[in-house]
């Protein structure tokens, strides 16, 4: 399942936590916001990936996606199983989801004048998310730019979206297209994108808009948010969680085996 070059799957170095050989951010939200602030100052397109179990399996299965993962700028632990695995190998780790980052970034950025763009979701959802966040944080600068209905990441319809982004001169862009589409889209269009930090945030737009309800905090903390989401969207998520997800057990076993042997 995992080629030899990618072993151990997760390991704790002297200062870094490595997942598939690349360092992942494992500190808390406040430190993450400082990291994003520094990335904004760099004035180039930066990609933030929020890694959950499904994305970890995509990294294993797909060579092109693995390359995007290796070349991205900030890798976050979104899935609680990954956080628990990191802790099991002796590395304190925090969970940082796109859904948590979006409102916190708006709050933090309202004090710094960040221009934040939300894109993705069904028709009108990104606009509703921007409206709700602006109501919550009146001094913030949040806007929505509709993402085109593209047939592939290289669809030229994306050019209109890229042009709209350039006119808005954003500091932070939440690409809520779903993984791995949002990361592949960024990789394809990176050379034409305006400088900003781009966060692959999946369903964050739906939660911010009030279209979907997140699991209670206790359910999130004990790592069962996936069950909550499955109960709400069984048709869409059953394959991901019940068929594909259990393959992650082998990743856990391999990581712990390497931990014991080394």
C-alpha atoms as a PDB file:
ATOM      1  CA  UNK A   1       0.000   0.000   0.000  1.00  0.00           C
ATOM      2  CA  UNK A   2       2.800   2.418   0.845  1.00  0.00           C
ATOM      3  CA  UNK A   3       5.961   2.139  -1.206  1.00  0.00           C
ATOM      4  CA  UNK A   4       9.206   1.666   0.680  1.00  0.00           C
ATOM      5  CA  UNK A   5      10.393   5.201  -0.056  1.00  0.00           C
ATOM      6  CA  UNK A   6       7.531   6.584   2.036  1.00  0.00           C
ATOM      7  CA  UNK A   7       8.307   4.649   5.214  1.00  0.00           C
ATOM      8  CA  UNK A   8       7.857   5.478   8.001  1.00  0.00           C
ATOM      9  CA  UNK A   9       4.485   7.046   7.240  1.00  0.00           C
ATOM     10  CA  UNK A  10       4.641   9.388  10.211  1.00  0.00           C
ATOM     11  CA  UNK A  11       7.630  10.130  12.398  1.00  0.00           C
ATOM     12  CA  UNK A  12       8.778  12.690  14.910  1.00  0.00           C
ATOM     13  CA  UNK A  13      12.106  14.301  14.081  1.00  0.00           C
ATOM     14  CA  UNK A  14      14.188  16.483  16.373  1.00  0.00           C
ATOM     15  CA  UNK A  15      11.793  19.411  15.873  1.00  0.00           C
ATOM     16  CA  UNK A  16       9.429  18.439  13.049  1.00  0.00           C
ATOM     17  CA  UNK A  17       6.569  16.007  12.727  1.00  0.00           C
ATOM     18  CA  UNK A  18       6.852  14.269   9.373  1.00  0.00           C
ATOM     19  CA  UNK A  19       3.966  12.775   7.422  1.00  0.00           C
ATOM     20  CA  UNK A  20       4.987  10.862   4.292  1.00  0.00           C
ATOM     21  CA  UNK A  21       8.425  12.417   4.661  1.00  0.00           C
ATOM     22  CA  UNK A  22       7.250  16.055   4.694  1.00  0.00           C
ATOM     23  CA  UNK A  23       6.901  18.287   7.774  1.00  0.00           C
ATOM     24  CA  UNK A  24       3.379  19.027   8.972  1.00  0.00           C
ATOM     25  CA  UNK A  25       2.290  21.899  11.182  1.00  0.00           C
ATOM     26  CA  UNK A  26       1.300  20.481  14.565  1.00  0.00           C
ATOM     27  CA  UNK A  27       0.986  23.507  16.854  1.00  0.00           C
ATOM     28  CA  UNK A  28      -2.127  25.426  17.900  1.00  0.00           C
ATOM     29  CA  UNK A  29      -4.343  27.893  16.056  1.00  0.00           C
ATOM     30  CA  UNK A  30      -2.677  31.052  17.346  1.00  0.00           C
ATOM     31  CA  UNK A  31       0.702  29.937  16.069  1.00  0.00           C
ATOM     32  CA  UNK A  32      -0.882  28.935  12.770  1.00  0.00           C
ATOM     33  CA  UNK A  33      -2.334  32.424  12.303  1.00  0.00           C
ATOM     34  CA  UNK A  34       1.139  33.876  12.830  1.00  0.00           C
ATOM     35  CA  UNK A  35       2.491  31.473  10.192  1.00  0.00           C
ATOM     36  CA  UNK A  36      -0.188  32.598   7.762  1.00  0.00           C
ATOM     37  CA  UNK A  37       0.605  36.240   8.525  1.00  0.00           C
ATOM     38  CA  UNK A  38       4.252  35.609   7.630  1.00  0.00           C
ATOM     39  CA  UNK A  39       3.224  33.797   4.440  1.00  0.00           C
ATOM     40  CA  UNK A  40       1.070  36.747   3.368  1.00  0.00           C
ATOM     41  CA  UNK A  41       4.082  39.036   3.673  1.00  0.00           C
ATOM     42  CA  UNK A  42       5.991  36.840   1.215  1.00  0.00           C
ATOM     43  CA  UNK A  43       3.717  38.077  -1.607  1.00  0.00           C
ATOM     44  CA  UNK A  44       3.540  34.875  -3.598  1.00  0.00           C
ATOM     45  CA  UNK A  45       0.868  32.173  -3.985  1.00  0.00           C
ATOM     46  CA  UNK A  46       1.079  29.865  -0.944  1.00  0.00           C
ATOM     47  CA  UNK A  47      -0.899  26.652  -0.568  1.00  0.00           C
ATOM     48  CA  UNK A  48      -2.203  25.396   2.774  1.00  0.00           C
ATOM     49  CA  UNK A  49      -3.425  21.800   2.749  1.00  0.00           C
ATOM     50  CA  UNK A  50      -5.712  20.455   5.460  1.00  0.00           C
ATOM     51  CA  UNK A  51      -4.932  16.733   5.586  1.00  0.00           C
ATOM     52  CA  UNK A  52      -7.578  14.254   6.677  1.00  0.00           C
ATOM     53  CA  UNK A  53      -7.700  10.473   6.336  1.00  0.00           C
ATOM     54  CA  UNK A  54      -9.196  10.556   2.854  1.00  0.00           C
ATOM     55  CA  UNK A  55      -6.476  12.909   1.639  1.00  0.00           C
ATOM     56  CA  UNK A  56      -3.778  10.784   3.271  1.00  0.00           C
ATOM     57  CA  UNK A  57      -5.015   7.826   1.244  1.00  0.00           C
ATOM     58  CA  UNK A  58      -5.028   9.978  -1.904  1.00  0.00           C
ATOM     59  CA  UNK A  59      -1.394  10.885  -1.209  1.00  0.00           C
ATOM     60  CA  UNK A  60      -0.591   7.183  -1.037  1.00  0.00           C
ATOM     61  CA  UNK A  61      -2.548   6.229  -4.152  1.00  0.00           C
ATOM     62  CA  UNK A  62      -1.888   9.118  -6.496  1.00  0.00           C
ATOM     63  CA  UNK A  63       1.624  10.114  -7.562  1.00  0.00           C
ATOM     64  CA  UNK A  64       0.577  13.515  -8.956  1.00  0.00           C
ATOM     65  CA  UNK A  65      -1.323  14.416  -5.801  1.00  0.00           C
ATOM     66  CA  UNK A  66       1.633  13.252  -3.706  1.00  0.00           C
ATOM     67  CA  UNK A  67       3.798  15.760  -5.570  1.00  0.00           C
ATOM     68  CA  UNK A  68       1.330  18.562  -4.816  1.00  0.00           C
ATOM     69  CA  UNK A  69       1.457  17.530  -1.166  1.00  0.00           C
ATOM     70  CA  UNK A  70       5.246  17.583  -1.138  1.00  0.00           C
ATOM     71  CA  UNK A  71       5.422  21.003  -2.797  1.00  0.00           C
ATOM     72  CA  UNK A  72       2.753  22.789  -0.751  1.00  0.00           C
ATOM     73  CA  UNK A  73       3.782  25.352   1.833  1.00  0.00           C
ATOM     74  CA  UNK A  74       1.842  24.515   5.007  1.00  0.00           C
ATOM     75  CA  UNK A  75       0.369  21.095   5.826  1.00  0.00           C
ATOM     76  CA  UNK A  76      -2.224  20.925   8.590  1.00  0.00           C
ATOM     77  CA  UNK A  77      -3.559  17.935  10.489  1.00  0.00           C
ATOM     78  CA  UNK A  78      -7.288  18.123   9.855  1.00  0.00           C
ATOM     79  CA  UNK A  79      -8.271  14.520  10.602  1.00  0.00           C
ATOM     80  CA  UNK A  80      -8.409  13.489  14.251  1.00  0.00           C
ATOM     81  CA  UNK A  81      -7.009  10.004  13.457  1.00  0.00           C
ATOM     82  CA  UNK A  82      -3.854  11.713  12.159  1.00  0.00           C
ATOM     83  CA  UNK A  83      -3.618  13.814  15.308  1.00  0.00           C
ATOM     84  CA  UNK A  84      -4.023  10.707  17.474  1.00  0.00           C
ATOM     85  CA  UNK A  85      -1.391   8.884  15.437  1.00  0.00           C
ATOM     86  CA  UNK A  86       1.039  11.766  15.897  1.00  0.00           C
ATOM     87  CA  UNK A  87       0.473  11.701  19.650  1.00  0.00           C
ATOM     88  CA  UNK A  88       0.946   7.933  19.691  1.00  0.00           C
ATOM     89  CA  UNK A  89       4.475   8.320  18.335  1.00  0.00           C
ATOM     90  CA  UNK A  90       5.286  10.907  20.985  1.00  0.00           C
ATOM     91  CA  UNK A  91       4.635  14.217  19.237  1.00  0.00           C
ATOM     92  CA  UNK A  92       2.116  16.611  20.808  1.00  0.00           C
ATOM     93  CA  UNK A  93      -0.158  17.659  17.965  1.00  0.00           C
ATOM     94  CA  UNK A  94      -3.127  19.965  17.509  1.00  0.00           C
ATOM     95  CA  UNK A  95      -5.963  19.576  15.056  1.00  0.00           C
ATOM     96  CA  UNK A  96      -6.392  22.524  12.694  1.00  0.00           C
ATOM     97  CA  UNK A  97      -9.337  22.189  10.340  1.00  0.00           C
ATOM     98  CA  UNK A  98     -10.310  24.478   7.491  1.00  0.00           C
ATOM     99  CA  UNK A  99     -13.705  24.862   9.152  1.00  0.00           C
ATOM    100  CA  UNK A 100     -12.092  26.193  12.339  1.00  0.00           C
ATOM    101  CA  UNK A 101      -9.516  28.276  10.494  1.00  0.00           C
ATOM    102  CA  UNK A 102     -12.014  30.256   8.392  1.00  0.00           C
ATOM    103  CA  UNK A 103     -13.808  32.128  11.225  1.00  0.00           C
ATOM    104  CA  UNK A 104     -10.622  32.460  13.267  1.00  0.00           C
ATOM    105  CA  UNK A 105      -8.770  33.935  10.289  1.00  0.00           C
ATOM    106  CA  UNK A 106     -11.595  36.422   9.716  1.00  0.00           C
ATOM    107  CA  UNK A 107     -11.465  37.474  13.370  1.00  0.00           C
ATOM    108  CA  UNK A 108      -7.675  37.701  13.422  1.00  0.00           C
ATOM    109  CA  UNK A 109      -7.499  39.360  10.019  1.00  0.00           C
ATOM    110  CA  UNK A 110     -10.095  41.991  10.943  1.00  0.00           C
ATOM    111  CA  UNK A 111      -7.463  43.581  13.179  1.00  0.00           C
ATOM    112  CA  UNK A 112      -4.845  43.531  10.434  1.00  0.00           C
ATOM    113  CA  UNK A 113      -6.928  44.567   7.458  1.00  0.00           C
ATOM    114  CA  UNK A 114      -6.726  41.203   5.693  1.00  0.00           C
ATOM    115  CA  UNK A 115      -8.794  40.928   2.532  1.00  0.00           C
ATOM    116  CA  UNK A 116     -10.321  37.448   2.624  1.00  0.00           C
ATOM    117  CA  UNK A 117     -12.071  35.723  -0.265  1.00  0.00           C
ATOM    118  CA  UNK A 118     -14.284  32.645  -0.042  1.00  0.00           C
ATOM    119  CA  UNK A 119     -14.911  30.542  -3.155  1.00  0.00           C
ATOM    120  CA  UNK A 120     -16.763  27.288  -3.712  1.00  0.00           C
ATOM    121  CA  UNK A 121     -19.898  25.567  -2.538  1.00  0.00           C
ATOM    122  CA  UNK A 122     -23.285  25.495  -4.221  1.00  0.00           C
ATOM    123  CA  UNK A 123     -24.789  28.626  -5.770  1.00  0.00           C
ATOM    124  CA  UNK A 124     -25.067  31.401  -3.205  1.00  0.00           C
ATOM    125  CA  UNK A 125     -23.352  29.497  -0.397  1.00  0.00           C
ATOM    126  CA  UNK A 126     -20.047  31.392  -0.521  1.00  0.00           C
ATOM    127  CA  UNK A 127     -21.943  34.704  -0.521  1.00  0.00           C
ATOM    128  CA  UNK A 128     -23.961  33.573   2.498  1.00  0.00           C
ATOM    129  CA  UNK A 129     -20.765  32.527   4.293  1.00  0.00           C
ATOM    130  CA  UNK A 130     -19.157  35.906   3.609  1.00  0.00           C
ATOM    131  CA  UNK A 131     -22.291  37.707   4.807  1.00  0.00           C
ATOM    132  CA  UNK A 132     -22.525  35.711   8.039  1.00  0.00           C
ATOM    133  CA  UNK A 133     -18.847  36.217   8.840  1.00  0.00           C
ATOM    134  CA  UNK A 134     -19.064  39.944   8.135  1.00  0.00           C
ATOM    135  CA  UNK A 135     -22.053  40.187  10.472  1.00  0.00           C
ATOM    136  CA  UNK A 136     -20.074  38.347  13.137  1.00  0.00           C
ATOM    137  CA  UNK A 137     -16.944  40.448  12.635  1.00  0.00           C
ATOM    138  CA  UNK A 138     -18.096  43.859  11.325  1.00  0.00           C
ATOM    139  CA  UNK A 139     -14.594  45.275  10.868  1.00  0.00           C
ATOM    140  CA  UNK A 140     -13.517  42.371   8.645  1.00  0.00           C
ATOM    141  CA  UNK A 141     -13.064  42.445   4.878  1.00  0.00           C
ATOM    142  CA  UNK A 142     -14.669  39.241   3.591  1.00  0.00           C
ATOM    143  CA  UNK A 143     -16.064  38.732   0.114  1.00  0.00           C
ATOM    144  CA  UNK A 144     -17.229  35.853  -2.046  1.00  0.00           C
ATOM    145  CA  UNK A 145     -16.190  35.232  -5.628  1.00  0.00           C
ATOM    146  CA  UNK A 146     -18.350  32.645  -7.421  1.00  0.00           C
ATOM    147  CA  UNK A 147     -16.336  29.710  -8.662  1.00  0.00           C
ATOM    148  CA  UNK A 148     -17.234  28.583 -12.203  1.00  0.00           C
ATOM    149  CA  UNK A 149     -18.759  25.209 -12.949  1.00  0.00           C
ATOM    150  CA  UNK A 150     -15.654  23.655 -14.480  1.00  0.00           C
ATOM    151  CA  UNK A 151     -15.395  20.225 -16.056  1.00  0.00           C
ATOM    152  CA  UNK A 152     -11.714  19.850 -15.109  1.00  0.00           C
ATOM    153  CA  UNK A 153      -9.038  21.836 -13.301  1.00  0.00           C
ATOM    154  CA  UNK A 154      -7.638  23.076 -16.618  1.00  0.00           C
ATOM    155  CA  UNK A 155     -11.030  24.313 -17.835  1.00  0.00           C
ATOM    156  CA  UNK A 156     -10.513  27.806 -19.286  1.00  0.00           C
ATOM    157  CA  UNK A 157     -13.637  28.985 -17.478  1.00  0.00           C
ATOM    158  CA  UNK A 158     -11.319  29.353 -14.469  1.00  0.00           C
ATOM    159  CA  UNK A 159      -9.672  32.333 -16.139  1.00  0.00           C
ATOM    160  CA  UNK A 160     -12.613  34.554 -15.175  1.00  0.00           C
ATOM    161  CA  UNK A 161     -12.213  33.520 -11.559  1.00  0.00           C
ATOM    162  CA  UNK A 162      -8.454  34.148 -11.624  1.00  0.00           C
ATOM    163  CA  UNK A 163      -9.056  37.618 -13.107  1.00  0.00           C
ATOM    164  CA  UNK A 164     -11.625  38.403 -10.411  1.00  0.00           C
ATOM    165  CA  UNK A 165      -9.148  37.321  -7.758  1.00  0.00           C
ATOM    166  CA  UNK A 166      -6.451  39.553  -9.219  1.00  0.00           C
ATOM    167  CA  UNK A 167      -8.800  42.559  -9.147  1.00  0.00           C
ATOM    168  CA  UNK A 168      -9.686  41.899  -5.509  1.00  0.00           C
ATOM    169  CA  UNK A 169      -6.039  41.638  -4.387  1.00  0.00           C
ATOM    170  CA  UNK A 170      -6.813  39.188  -1.575  1.00  0.00           C
ATOM    171  CA  UNK A 171      -4.483  38.279   1.260  1.00  0.00           C
ATOM    172  CA  UNK A 172      -6.188  34.986   2.039  1.00  0.00           C
ATOM    173  CA  UNK A 173      -8.347  32.792  -0.192  1.00  0.00           C
ATOM    174  CA  UNK A 174     -10.409  29.862   1.052  1.00  0.00           C
ATOM    175  CA  UNK A 175     -10.814  27.418  -1.835  1.00  0.00           C
ATOM    176  CA  UNK A 176     -13.776  25.290  -0.826  1.00  0.00           C
ATOM    177  CA  UNK A 177     -13.944  22.986  -3.839  1.00  0.00           C
ATOM    178  CA  UNK A 178     -13.394  19.696  -2.036  1.00  0.00           C
ATOM    179  CA  UNK A 179     -10.221  17.634  -1.998  1.00  0.00           C
ATOM    180  CA  UNK A 180      -8.340  16.754  -4.104  1.00  0.00           C
ATOM    181  CA  UNK A 181      -9.930  19.101  -6.669  1.00  0.00           C
ATOM    182  CA  UNK A 182      -9.045  22.300  -4.781  1.00  0.00           C
ATOM    183  CA  UNK A 183      -5.360  21.361  -4.457  1.00  0.00           C
ATOM    184  CA  UNK A 184      -5.117  20.200  -8.064  1.00  0.00           C
ATOM    185  CA  UNK A 185      -6.779  23.403  -9.230  1.00  0.00           C
ATOM    186  CA  UNK A 186      -4.271  25.508  -7.296  1.00  0.00           C
ATOM    187  CA  UNK A 187      -1.326  23.561  -8.687  1.00  0.00           C
ATOM    188  CA  UNK A 188      -2.538  23.985 -12.257  1.00  0.00           C
ATOM    189  CA  UNK A 189      -3.248  27.732 -12.000  1.00  0.00           C
ATOM    190  CA  UNK A 190      -0.524  28.730  -9.529  1.00  0.00           C
ATOM    191  CA  UNK A 191       1.608  30.569 -12.099  1.00  0.00           C
ATOM    192  CA  UNK A 192      -1.331  32.879 -12.917  1.00  0.00           C
ATOM    193  CA  UNK A 193      -2.700  33.383  -9.418  1.00  0.00           C
ATOM    194  CA  UNK A 194      -2.270  36.690  -7.573  1.00  0.00           C
ATOM    195  CA  UNK A 195      -0.103  36.621  -4.425  1.00  0.00           C
ATOM    196  CA  UNK A 196      -2.109  35.304  -1.470  1.00  0.00           C
ATOM    197  CA  UNK A 197      -2.346  32.375   0.919  1.00  0.00           C
ATOM    198  CA  UNK A 198      -4.728  29.775  -0.518  1.00  0.00           C
ATOM    199  CA  UNK A 199      -6.358  27.339   1.909  1.00  0.00           C
ATOM    200  CA  UNK A 200      -7.960  24.139   0.656  1.00  0.00           C
ATOM    201  CA  UNK A 201     -10.907  24.249   3.039  1.00  0.00           C
ATOM    202  CA  UNK A 202     -13.500  21.820   1.660  1.00  0.00           C
ATOM    203  CA  UNK A 203     -16.786  22.049   3.558  1.00  0.00           C
ATOM    204  CA  UNK A 204     -15.754  25.135   5.568  1.00  0.00           C
ATOM    205  CA  UNK A 205     -17.941  27.294   3.338  1.00  0.00           C
ATOM    206  CA  UNK A 206     -21.019  25.197   4.147  1.00  0.00           C
ATOM    207  CA  UNK A 207     -20.464  25.452   7.889  1.00  0.00           C
ATOM    208  CA  UNK A 208     -19.770  29.206   7.729  1.00  0.00           C
ATOM    209  CA  UNK A 209     -22.933  29.730   5.680  1.00  0.00           C
ATOM    210  CA  UNK A 210     -25.026  27.690   8.103  1.00  0.00           C
ATOM    211  CA  UNK A 211     -25.831  25.146   5.386  1.00  0.00           C
ATOM    212  CA  UNK A 212     -24.448  22.293   7.461  1.00  0.00           C
ATOM    213  CA  UNK A 213     -24.144  21.757  11.190  1.00  0.00           C
ATOM    214  CA  UNK A 214     -20.820  20.699  12.692  1.00  0.00           C
ATOM    215  CA  UNK A 215     -20.613  17.977  15.297  1.00  0.00           C
ATOM    216  CA  UNK A 216     -20.622  19.021  18.967  1.00  0.00           C
ATOM    217  CA  UNK A 217     -17.186  19.868  20.368  1.00  0.00           C
ATOM    218  CA  UNK A 218     -17.075  16.692  22.459  1.00  0.00           C
ATOM    219  CA  UNK A 219     -17.730  14.542  19.394  1.00  0.00           C
ATOM    220  CA  UNK A 220     -14.945  16.385  17.569  1.00  0.00           C
ATOM    221  CA  UNK A 221     -12.469  15.930  20.436  1.00  0.00           C
ATOM    222  CA  UNK A 222     -12.945  12.177  20.683  1.00  0.00           C
ATOM    223  CA  UNK A 223     -12.447  11.740  16.947  1.00  0.00           C
ATOM    224  CA  UNK A 224     -16.003  10.811  15.963  1.00  0.00           C
ATOM    225  CA  UNK A 225     -16.938  13.794  13.835  1.00  0.00           C
ATOM    226  CA  UNK A 226     -16.881  11.473  10.833  1.00  0.00           C
ATOM    227  CA  UNK A 227     -19.806   9.521  12.315  1.00  0.00           C
ATOM    228  CA  UNK A 228     -21.781  12.733  12.739  1.00  0.00           C
ATOM    229  CA  UNK A 229     -21.180  13.730   9.130  1.00  0.00           C
ATOM    230  CA  UNK A 230     -21.974  10.229   7.897  1.00  0.00           C
ATOM    231  CA  UNK A 231     -25.303  10.284   9.742  1.00  0.00           C
ATOM    232  CA  UNK A 232     -26.188  13.611   8.097  1.00  0.00           C
ATOM    233  CA  UNK A 233     -24.974  12.719   4.581  1.00  0.00           C
ATOM    234  CA  UNK A 234     -24.971   8.914   4.272  1.00  0.00           C
ATOM    235  CA  UNK A 235     -25.358   8.788   0.496  1.00  0.00           C
ATOM    236  CA  UNK A 236     -22.454  11.151  -0.211  1.00  0.00           C
ATOM    237  CA  UNK A 237     -20.043   9.998   2.507  1.00  0.00           C
ATOM    238  CA  UNK A 238     -20.660   6.284   2.993  1.00  0.00           C
ATOM    239  CA  UNK A 239     -18.027   5.212   0.458  1.00  0.00           C
ATOM    240  CA  UNK A 240     -15.415   7.584   1.912  1.00  0.00           C
ATOM    241  CA  UNK A 241     -15.915   6.537   5.520  1.00  0.00           C
ATOM    242  CA  UNK A 242     -17.074   2.917   5.316  1.00  0.00           C
ATOM    243  CA  UNK A 243     -15.214   1.587   2.274  1.00  0.00           C
ATOM    244  CA  UNK A 244     -12.171   3.764   1.704  1.00  0.00           C
ATOM    245  CA  UNK A 245     -11.542   4.944   5.266  1.00  0.00           C
ATOM    246  CA  UNK A 246     -10.770   1.558   6.883  1.00  0.00           C
ATOM    247  CA  UNK A 247      -7.679   1.272   4.664  1.00  0.00           C
ATOM    248  CA  UNK A 248      -6.117   3.836   6.971  1.00  0.00           C
ATOM    249  CA  UNK A 249      -5.798   1.072   9.553  1.00  0.00           C
ATOM    250  CA  UNK A 250      -2.843  -0.257   7.585  1.00  0.00           C
ATOM    251  CA  UNK A 251      -1.209   3.179   7.733  1.00  0.00           C
ATOM    252  CA  UNK A 252      -1.574   3.143  11.520  1.00  0.00           C
ATOM    253  CA  UNK A 253      -0.138  -0.365  11.813  1.00  0.00           C
ATOM    254  CA  UNK A 254       2.771   0.468   9.537  1.00  0.00           C
ATOM    255  CA  UNK A 255       3.583   3.618  11.474  1.00  0.00           C
ATOM    256  CA  UNK A 256       3.506   1.860  14.836  1.00  0.00           C
ATOM    257  CA  UNK A 257       5.560  -1.069  13.444  1.00  0.00           C
ATOM    258  CA  UNK A 258       8.248   1.305  12.229  1.00  0.00           C
ATOM    259  CA  UNK A 259       8.136   3.048  15.594  1.00  0.00           C
ATOM    260  CA  UNK A 260       8.801  -0.229  17.409  1.00  0.00           C
ATOM    261  CA  UNK A 261      11.474  -1.418  14.980  1.00  0.00           C
ATOM    262  CA  UNK A 262      13.400   1.836  14.911  1.00  0.00           C
END
